[in-house]
Amino acid sequence: MSIRNDILSRMAYLPRSTQRIGRMVVREPGAVVELRVAELANLCDTDEASVLRFCRAVGFGGYGELREALQNEAEELQQHTESLPQVS
């Protein structure tokens, strides 16, 4: 299961402030990888503590771990896409 699908499956059980974070992560995982925790909190109209609670709620030890997992997932998808045969 992808990280985004896992987050979507947990959204209904999260508080509103963490749902906003979840929606951002699902919609823009590439952007989230580039953001600092304070920047993500600001974009989601919440605070850094909520971002950290969100990370723990979806199974990560912290924001850095979430970012790393999103980056790894994106790289795996890219590698998989590159290895597909070309259609002519």
PDB file of N, CA and C in Angstrom:
ATOM      1  N   MET A   1       0.856  -1.186   0.000  1.00  0.00           N
ATOM      2  CA  MET A   1       0.000   0.000   0.000  1.00  0.00           C
ATOM      3  C   MET A   1       0.894   1.238   0.000  1.00  0.00           C
ATOM      4  N   SER A   2       0.523   2.225  -0.780  1.00  0.00           N
ATOM      5  CA  SER A   2       1.308   3.451  -0.825  1.00  0.00           C
ATOM      6  C   SER A   2       1.054   4.293   0.426  1.00  0.00           C
ATOM      7  N   ILE A   3       1.970   5.184   0.684  1.00  0.00           N
ATOM      8  CA  ILE A   3       1.839   6.077   1.835  1.00  0.00           C
ATOM      9  C   ILE A   3       0.568   6.904   1.705  1.00  0.00           C
ATOM     10  N   ARG A   4       0.306   7.397   0.503  1.00  0.00           N
ATOM     11  CA  ARG A   4      -0.884   8.229   0.300  1.00  0.00           C
ATOM     12  C   ARG A   4      -2.161   7.431   0.540  1.00  0.00           C
ATOM     13  N   ASN A   5      -2.204   6.202   0.069  1.00  0.00           N
ATOM     14  CA  ASN A   5      -3.391   5.369   0.315  1.00  0.00           C
ATOM     15  C   ASN A   5      -3.552   5.075   1.801  1.00  0.00           C
ATOM     16  N   ASP A   6      -2.447   4.840   2.476  1.00  0.00           N
ATOM     17  CA  ASP A   6      -2.496   4.584   3.910  1.00  0.00           C
ATOM     18  C   ASP A   6      -3.040   5.807   4.654  1.00  0.00           C
ATOM     19  N   ILE A   7      -2.590   6.977   4.272  1.00  0.00           N
ATOM     20  CA  ILE A   7      -3.085   8.212   4.899  1.00  0.00           C
ATOM     21  C   ILE A   7      -4.577   8.379   4.631  1.00  0.00           C
ATOM     22  N   LEU A   8      -4.982   8.176   3.387  1.00  0.00           N
ATOM     23  CA  LEU A   8      -6.409   8.299   3.054  1.00  0.00           C
ATOM     24  C   LEU A   8      -7.268   7.349   3.880  1.00  0.00           C
ATOM     25  N   SER A   9      -6.767   6.154   4.126  1.00  0.00           N
ATOM     26  CA  SER A   9      -7.548   5.183   4.903  1.00  0.00           C
ATOM     27  C   SER A   9      -7.691   5.595   6.363  1.00  0.00           C
ATOM     28  N   ARG A  10      -6.825   6.466   6.843  1.00  0.00           N
ATOM     29  CA  ARG A  10      -6.863   6.905   8.249  1.00  0.00           C
ATOM     30  C   ARG A  10      -7.508   8.278   8.441  1.00  0.00           C
ATOM     31  N   MET A  11      -7.792   8.986   7.363  1.00  0.00           N
ATOM     32  CA  MET A  11      -8.253  10.377   7.441  1.00  0.00           C
ATOM     33  C   MET A  11      -9.484  10.570   8.320  1.00  0.00           C
ATOM     34  N   ALA A  12     -10.447   9.708   8.223  1.00  0.00           N
ATOM     35  CA  ALA A  12     -11.688   9.882   8.974  1.00  0.00           C
ATOM     36  C   ALA A  12     -11.468   9.847  10.479  1.00  0.00           C
ATOM     37  N   TYR A  13     -10.369   9.266  10.901  1.00  0.00           N
ATOM     38  CA  TYR A  13     -10.096   9.106  12.335  1.00  0.00           C
ATOM     39  C   TYR A  13      -9.183  10.192  12.891  1.00  0.00           C
ATOM     40  N   LEU A  14      -8.782  11.118  12.042  1.00  0.00           N
ATOM     41  CA  LEU A  14      -7.873  12.180  12.462  1.00  0.00           C
ATOM     42  C   LEU A  14      -8.632  13.456  12.808  1.00  0.00           C
ATOM     43  N   PRO A  15      -8.115  14.240  13.752  1.00  0.00           N
ATOM     44  CA  PRO A  15      -8.705  15.553  14.030  1.00  0.00           C
ATOM     45  C   PRO A  15      -8.606  16.458  12.799  1.00  0.00           C
ATOM     46  N   ARG A  16      -9.439  17.485  12.758  1.00  0.00           N
ATOM     47  CA  ARG A  16      -9.482  18.376  11.587  1.00  0.00           C
ATOM     48  C   ARG A  16      -8.134  18.967  11.215  1.00  0.00           C
ATOM     49  N   SER A  17      -7.388  19.434  12.206  1.00  0.00           N
ATOM     50  CA  SER A  17      -6.097  20.067  11.894  1.00  0.00           C
ATOM     51  C   SER A  17      -5.155  19.068  11.236  1.00  0.00           C
ATOM     52  N   THR A  18      -5.181  17.836  11.668  1.00  0.00           N
ATOM     53  CA  THR A  18      -4.306  16.841  11.049  1.00  0.00           C
ATOM     54  C   THR A  18      -4.880  16.338   9.728  1.00  0.00           C
ATOM     55  N   GLN A  19      -6.178  16.426   9.544  1.00  0.00           N
ATOM     56  CA  GLN A  19      -6.760  16.088   8.241  1.00  0.00           C
ATOM     57  C   GLN A  19      -6.278  17.061   7.172  1.00  0.00           C
ATOM     58  N   ARG A  20      -6.150  18.339   7.528  1.00  0.00           N
ATOM     59  CA  ARG A  20      -5.638  19.325   6.566  1.00  0.00           C
ATOM     60  C   ARG A  20      -4.220  18.960   6.131  1.00  0.00           C
ATOM     61  N   ILE A  21      -3.434  18.512   7.082  1.00  0.00           N
ATOM     62  CA  ILE A  21      -2.069  18.098   6.765  1.00  0.00           C
ATOM     63  C   ILE A  21      -2.113  16.877   5.846  1.00  0.00           C
ATOM     64  N   GLY A  22      -2.960  15.924   6.190  1.00  0.00           N
ATOM     65  CA  GLY A  22      -3.100  14.718   5.383  1.00  0.00           C
ATOM     66  C   GLY A  22      -3.505  15.020   3.954  1.00  0.00           C
ATOM     67  N   ARG A  23      -4.438  15.938   3.776  1.00  0.00           N
ATOM     68  CA  ARG A  23      -4.866  16.303   2.420  1.00  0.00           C
ATOM     69  C   ARG A  23      -3.704  16.899   1.629  1.00  0.00           C
ATOM     70  N   MET A  24      -2.902  17.702   2.286  1.00  0.00           N
ATOM     71  CA  MET A  24      -1.751  18.322   1.618  1.00  0.00           C
ATOM     72  C   MET A  24      -0.731  17.246   1.228  1.00  0.00           C
ATOM     73  N   VAL A  25      -0.473  16.324   2.119  1.00  0.00           N
ATOM     74  CA  VAL A  25       0.502  15.264   1.835  1.00  0.00           C
ATOM     75  C   VAL A  25       0.020  14.404   0.675  1.00  0.00           C
ATOM     76  N   VAL A  26      -1.266  14.083   0.656  1.00  0.00           N
ATOM     77  CA  VAL A  26      -1.826  13.249  -0.408  1.00  0.00           C
ATOM     78  C   VAL A  26      -1.815  13.985  -1.746  1.00  0.00           C
ATOM     79  N   ARG A  27      -2.189  15.255  -1.740  1.00  0.00           N
ATOM     80  CA  ARG A  27      -2.261  16.030  -2.990  1.00  0.00           C
ATOM     81  C   ARG A  27      -0.892  16.408  -3.537  1.00  0.00           C
ATOM     82  N   GLU A  28       0.030  16.765  -2.644  1.00  0.00           N
ATOM     83  CA  GLU A  28       1.315  17.336  -3.063  1.00  0.00           C
ATOM     84  C   GLU A  28       2.500  16.678  -2.358  1.00  0.00           C
ATOM     85  N   PRO A  29       2.672  15.361  -2.492  1.00  0.00           N
ATOM     86  CA  PRO A  29       3.770  14.712  -1.762  1.00  0.00           C
ATOM     87  C   PRO A  29       5.147  15.250  -2.162  1.00  0.00           C
ATOM     88  N   GLY A  30       5.317  15.597  -3.428  1.00  0.00           N
ATOM     89  CA  GLY A  30       6.594  16.143  -3.873  1.00  0.00           C
ATOM     90  C   GLY A  30       6.917  17.477  -3.233  1.00  0.00           C
ATOM     91  N   ALA A  31       5.905  18.296  -3.056  1.00  0.00           N
ATOM     92  CA  ALA A  31       6.108  19.591  -2.402  1.00  0.00           C
ATOM     93  C   ALA A  31       6.412  19.412  -0.921  1.00  0.00           C
ATOM     94  N   VAL A  32       5.718  18.466  -0.285  1.00  0.00           N
ATOM     95  CA  VAL A  32       5.918  18.228   1.146  1.00  0.00           C
ATOM     96  C   VAL A  32       7.360  17.818   1.417  1.00  0.00           C
ATOM     97  N   VAL A  33       7.943  17.040   0.527  1.00  0.00           N
ATOM     98  CA  VAL A  33       9.337  16.606   0.684  1.00  0.00           C
ATOM     99  C   VAL A  33      10.270  17.812   0.768  1.00  0.00           C
ATOM    100  N   GLU A  34       9.923  18.884   0.086  1.00  0.00           N
ATOM    101  CA  GLU A  34      10.776  20.075   0.038  1.00  0.00           C
ATOM    102  C   GLU A  34      10.517  21.058   1.182  1.00  0.00           C
ATOM    103  N   LEU A  35       9.433  20.878   1.916  1.00  0.00           N
ATOM    104  CA  LEU A  35       9.055  21.838   2.951  1.00  0.00           C
ATOM    105  C   LEU A  35       9.646  21.495   4.313  1.00  0.00           C
ATOM    106  N   ARG A  36       9.965  22.515   5.068  1.00  0.00           N
ATOM    107  CA  ARG A  36      10.302  22.330   6.484  1.00  0.00           C
ATOM    108  C   ARG A  36       8.999  22.173   7.246  1.00  0.00           C
ATOM    109  N   VAL A  37       9.088  21.623   8.431  1.00  0.00           N
ATOM    110  CA  VAL A  37       7.892  21.367   9.238  1.00  0.00           C
ATOM    111  C   VAL A  37       7.105  22.657   9.471  1.00  0.00           C
ATOM    112  N   ALA A  38       7.782  23.756   9.739  1.00  0.00           N
ATOM    113  CA  ALA A  38       7.099  25.030   9.987  1.00  0.00           C
ATOM    114  C   ALA A  38       6.364  25.511   8.738  1.00  0.00           C
ATOM    115  N   GLU A  39       6.960  25.299   7.574  1.00  0.00           N
ATOM    116  CA  GLU A  39       6.327  25.716   6.324  1.00  0.00           C
ATOM    117  C   GLU A  39       5.065  24.902   6.052  1.00  0.00           C
ATOM    118  N   LEU A  40       5.138  23.585   6.274  1.00  0.00           N
ATOM    119  CA  LEU A  40       3.949  22.749   6.089  1.00  0.00           C
ATOM    120  C   LEU A  40       2.857  23.158   7.068  1.00  0.00           C
ATOM    121  N   ALA A  41       3.220  23.389   8.300  1.00  0.00           N
ATOM    122  CA  ALA A  41       2.238  23.815   9.305  1.00  0.00           C
ATOM    123  C   ALA A  41       1.564  25.114   8.872  1.00  0.00           C
ATOM    124  N   ASN A  42       2.343  26.065   8.395  1.00  0.00           N
ATOM    125  CA  ASN A  42       1.795  27.341   7.953  1.00  0.00           C
ATOM    126  C   ASN A  42       0.842  27.161   6.777  1.00  0.00           C
ATOM    127  N   LEU A  43       1.234  26.350   5.794  1.00  0.00           N
ATOM    128  CA  LEU A  43       0.379  26.112   4.626  1.00  0.00           C
ATOM    129  C   LEU A  43      -0.941  25.430   5.003  1.00  0.00           C
ATOM    130  N   CYS A  44      -0.902  24.641   6.070  1.00  0.00           N
ATOM    131  CA  CYS A  44      -2.095  23.906   6.506  1.00  0.00           C
ATOM    132  C   CYS A  44      -2.844  24.630   7.608  1.00  0.00           C
ATOM    133  N   ASP A  45      -2.442  25.862   7.897  1.00  0.00           N
ATOM    134  CA  ASP A  45      -3.093  26.686   8.916  1.00  0.00           C
ATOM    135  C   ASP A  45      -3.157  25.956  10.256  1.00  0.00           C
ATOM    136  N   THR A  46      -2.006  25.420  10.652  1.00  0.00           N
ATOM    137  CA  THR A  46      -1.917  24.719  11.930  1.00  0.00           C
ATOM    138  C   THR A  46      -0.530  24.977  12.512  1.00  0.00           C
ATOM    139  N   ASP A  47      -0.154  24.215  13.522  1.00  0.00           N
ATOM    140  CA  ASP A  47       1.152  24.425  14.146  1.00  0.00           C
ATOM    141  C   ASP A  47       2.050  23.213  13.966  1.00  0.00           C
ATOM    142  N   GLU A  48       3.308  23.393  14.312  1.00  0.00           N
ATOM    143  CA  GLU A  48       4.290  22.327  14.134  1.00  0.00           C
ATOM    144  C   GLU A  48       3.941  21.084  14.948  1.00  0.00           C
ATOM    145  N   ALA A  49       3.409  21.281  16.139  1.00  0.00           N
ATOM    146  CA  ALA A  49       3.038  20.141  16.983  1.00  0.00           C
ATOM    147  C   ALA A  49       1.981  19.278  16.296  1.00  0.00           C
ATOM    148  N   SER A  50       1.058  19.910  15.582  1.00  0.00           N
ATOM    149  CA  SER A  50       0.038  19.146  14.848  1.00  0.00           C
ATOM    150  C   SER A  50       0.655  18.336  13.721  1.00  0.00           C
ATOM    151  N   VAL A  51       1.656  18.896  13.057  1.00  0.00           N
ATOM    152  CA  VAL A  51       2.347  18.159  11.993  1.00  0.00           C
ATOM    153  C   VAL A  51       3.016  16.925  12.594  1.00  0.00           C
ATOM    154  N   LEU A  52       3.655  17.087  13.722  1.00  0.00           N
ATOM    155  CA  LEU A  52       4.322  15.955  14.365  1.00  0.00           C
ATOM    156  C   LEU A  52       3.306  14.916  14.841  1.00  0.00           C
ATOM    157  N   ARG A  53       2.172  15.368  15.369  1.00  0.00           N
ATOM    158  CA  ARG A  53       1.118  14.426  15.763  1.00  0.00           C
ATOM    159  C   ARG A  53       0.587  13.673  14.551  1.00  0.00           C
ATOM    160  N   PHE A  54       0.422  14.373  13.444  1.00  0.00           N
ATOM    161  CA  PHE A  54      -0.022  13.731  12.208  1.00  0.00           C
ATOM    162  C   PHE A  54       0.966  12.634  11.807  1.00  0.00           C
ATOM    163  N   CYS A  55       2.242  12.949  11.820  1.00  0.00           N
ATOM    164  CA  CYS A  55       3.259  11.963  11.431  1.00  0.00           C
ATOM    165  C   CYS A  55       3.158  10.711  12.292  1.00  0.00           C
ATOM    166  N   ARG A  56       3.020  10.887  13.577  1.00  0.00           N
ATOM    167  CA  ARG A  56       2.895   9.729  14.475  1.00  0.00           C
ATOM    168  C   ARG A  56       1.586   8.988  14.233  1.00  0.00           C
ATOM    169  N   ALA A  57       0.515   9.718  13.959  1.00  0.00           N
ATOM    170  CA  ALA A  57      -0.797   9.093  13.741  1.00  0.00           C
ATOM    171  C   ALA A  57      -0.818   8.215  12.502  1.00  0.00           C
ATOM    172  N   VAL A  58       0.026   8.530  11.524  1.00  0.00           N
ATOM    173  CA  VAL A  58       0.044   7.724  10.293  1.00  0.00           C
ATOM    174  C   VAL A  58       1.248   6.782  10.255  1.00  0.00           C
ATOM    175  N   GLY A  59       1.892   6.609  11.399  1.00  0.00           N
ATOM    176  CA  GLY A  59       2.896   5.559  11.524  1.00  0.00           C
ATOM    177  C   GLY A  59       4.351   5.946  11.369  1.00  0.00           C
ATOM    178  N   PHE A  60       4.656   7.228  11.439  1.00  0.00           N
ATOM    179  CA  PHE A  60       6.040   7.667  11.322  1.00  0.00           C
ATOM    180  C   PHE A  60       6.518   8.247  12.647  1.00  0.00           C
ATOM    181  N   GLY A  61       7.826   8.157  12.871  1.00  0.00           N
ATOM    182  CA  GLY A  61       8.403   8.668  14.110  1.00  0.00           C
ATOM    183  C   GLY A  61       8.493  10.180  14.159  1.00  0.00           C
ATOM    184  N   GLY A  62       8.450  10.814  13.023  1.00  0.00           N
ATOM    185  CA  GLY A  62       8.554  12.265  12.956  1.00  0.00           C
ATOM    186  C   GLY A  62       8.448  12.742  11.519  1.00  0.00           C
ATOM    187  N   TYR A  63       8.586  14.038  11.350  1.00  0.00           N
ATOM    188  CA  TYR A  63       8.428  14.645  10.034  1.00  0.00           C
ATOM    189  C   TYR A  63       9.530  14.220   9.077  1.00  0.00           C
ATOM    190  N   GLY A  64      10.749  14.140   9.557  1.00  0.00           N
ATOM    191  CA  GLY A  64      11.849  13.716   8.708  1.00  0.00           C
ATOM    192  C   GLY A  64      11.629  12.316   8.156  1.00  0.00           C
ATOM    193  N   GLU A  65      11.100  11.444   8.984  1.00  0.00           N
ATOM    194  CA  GLU A  65      10.815  10.076   8.552  1.00  0.00           C
ATOM    195  C   GLU A  65       9.718  10.049   7.484  1.00  0.00           C
ATOM    196  N   LEU A  66       8.692  10.879   7.651  1.00  0.00           N
ATOM    197  CA  LEU A  66       7.632  10.981   6.644  1.00  0.00           C
ATOM    198  C   LEU A  66       8.203  11.486   5.321  1.00  0.00           C
ATOM    199  N   ARG A  67       8.979  12.544   5.375  1.00  0.00           N
ATOM    200  CA  ARG A  67       9.576  13.105   4.155  1.00  0.00           C
ATOM    201  C   ARG A  67      10.449  12.084   3.447  1.00  0.00           C
ATOM    202  N   GLU A  68      11.246  11.362   4.212  1.00  0.00           N
ATOM    203  CA  GLU A  68      12.124  10.349   3.632  1.00  0.00           C
ATOM    204  C   GLU A  68      11.301   9.243   2.952  1.00  0.00           C
ATOM    205  N   ALA A  69      10.235   8.814   3.604  1.00  0.00           N
ATOM    206  CA  ALA A  69       9.380   7.770   3.024  1.00  0.00           C
ATOM    207  C   ALA A  69       8.710   8.256   1.747  1.00  0.00           C
ATOM    208  N   LEU A  70       8.239   9.497   1.732  1.00  0.00           N
ATOM    209  CA  LEU A  70       7.629  10.057   0.523  1.00  0.00           C
ATOM    210  C   LEU A  70       8.649  10.135  -0.610  1.00  0.00           C
ATOM    211  N   GLN A  71       9.854  10.550  -0.286  1.00  0.00           N
ATOM    212  CA  GLN A  71      10.917  10.644  -1.285  1.00  0.00           C
ATOM    213  C   GLN A  71      11.250   9.261  -1.833  1.00  0.00           C
ATOM    214  N   ASN A  72      11.396   8.278  -0.955  1.00  0.00           N
ATOM    215  CA  ASN A  72      11.706   6.921  -1.391  1.00  0.00           C
ATOM    216  C   ASN A  72      10.603   6.352  -2.275  1.00  0.00           C
ATOM    217  N   GLU A  73       9.352   6.608  -1.900  1.00  0.00           N
ATOM    218  CA  GLU A  73       8.234   6.127  -2.700  1.00  0.00           C
ATOM    219  C   GLU A  73       8.243   6.762  -4.087  1.00  0.00           C
ATOM    220  N   ALA A  74       8.540   8.040  -4.158  1.00  0.00           N
ATOM    221  CA  ALA A  74       8.603   8.738  -5.450  1.00  0.00           C
ATOM    222  C   ALA A  74       9.733   8.177  -6.311  1.00  0.00           C
ATOM    223  N   GLU A  75      10.868   7.888  -5.701  1.00  0.00           N
ATOM    224  CA  GLU A  75      11.995   7.333  -6.446  1.00  0.00           C
ATOM    225  C   GLU A  75      11.673   5.932  -6.953  1.00  0.00           C
ATOM    226  N   GLU A  76      11.024   5.118  -6.122  1.00  0.00           N
ATOM    227  CA  GLU A  76      10.637   3.766  -6.550  1.00  0.00           C
ATOM    228  C   GLU A  76       9.663   3.828  -7.725  1.00  0.00           C
ATOM    229  N   LEU A  77       8.712   4.735  -7.661  1.00  0.00           N
ATOM    230  CA  LEU A  77       7.755   4.897  -8.754  1.00  0.00           C
ATOM    231  C   LEU A  77       8.467   5.330 -10.031  1.00  0.00           C
ATOM    232  N   GLN A  78       9.406   6.252  -9.900  1.00  0.00           N
ATOM    233  CA  GLN A  78      10.173   6.723 -11.054  1.00  0.00           C
ATOM    234  C   GLN A  78      10.965   5.575 -11.672  1.00  0.00           C
ATOM    235  N   GLN A  79      11.622   4.774 -10.848  1.00  0.00           N
ATOM    236  CA  GLN A  79      12.410   3.637 -11.349  1.00  0.00           C
ATOM    237  C   GLN A  79      11.508   2.629 -12.046  1.00  0.00           C
ATOM    238  N   HIS A  80      10.350   2.381 -11.455  1.00  0.00           N
ATOM    239  CA  HIS A  80       9.400   1.435 -12.048  1.00  0.00           C
ATOM    240  C   HIS A  80       8.925   1.951 -13.398  1.00  0.00           C
ATOM    241  N   THR A  81       8.613   3.218 -13.460  1.00  0.00           N
ATOM    242  CA  THR A  81       8.139   3.826 -14.708  1.00  0.00           C
ATOM    243  C   THR A  81       9.210   3.753 -15.786  1.00  0.00           C
ATOM    244  N   GLU A  82      10.459   4.001 -15.409  1.00  0.00           N
ATOM    245  CA  GLU A  82      11.553   3.966 -16.382  1.00  0.00           C
ATOM    246  C   GLU A  82      11.806   2.549 -16.904  1.00  0.00           C
ATOM    247  N   SER A  83      11.479   1.533 -16.099  1.00  0.00           N
ATOM    248  CA  SER A  83      11.757   0.163 -16.517  1.00  0.00           C
ATOM    249  C   SER A  83      10.631  -0.444 -17.367  1.00  0.00           C
ATOM    250  N   LEU A  84       9.537   0.277 -17.521  1.00  0.00           N
ATOM    251  CA  LEU A  84       8.439  -0.228 -18.365  1.00  0.00           C
ATOM    252  C   LEU A  84       8.852  -0.190 -19.831  1.00  0.00           C
ATOM    253  N   PRO A  85       8.403  -1.181 -20.601  1.00  0.00           N
ATOM    254  CA  PRO A  85       8.732  -1.158 -22.029  1.00  0.00           C
ATOM    255  C   PRO A  85       8.083   0.036 -22.723  1.00  0.00           C
ATOM    256  N   GLN A  86       8.782   0.550 -23.712  1.00  0.00           N
ATOM    257  CA  GLN A  86       8.270   1.676 -24.480  1.00  0.00           C
ATOM    258  C   GLN A  86       7.185   1.184 -25.443  1.00  0.00           C
ATOM    259  N   VAL A  87       6.104   1.925 -25.516  1.00  0.00           N
ATOM    260  CA  VAL A  87       5.019   1.611 -26.428  1.00  0.00           C
ATOM    261  C   VAL A  87       5.193   2.473 -27.669  1.00  0.00           C
ATOM    262  N   SER A  88       5.154   1.840 -28.837  1.00  0.00           N
ATOM    263  CA  SER A  88       5.349   2.625 -30.068  1.00  0.00           C
ATOM    264  C   SER A  88       4.057   2.888 -30.783  1.00  0.00           C
TER     265      SER A  88
END
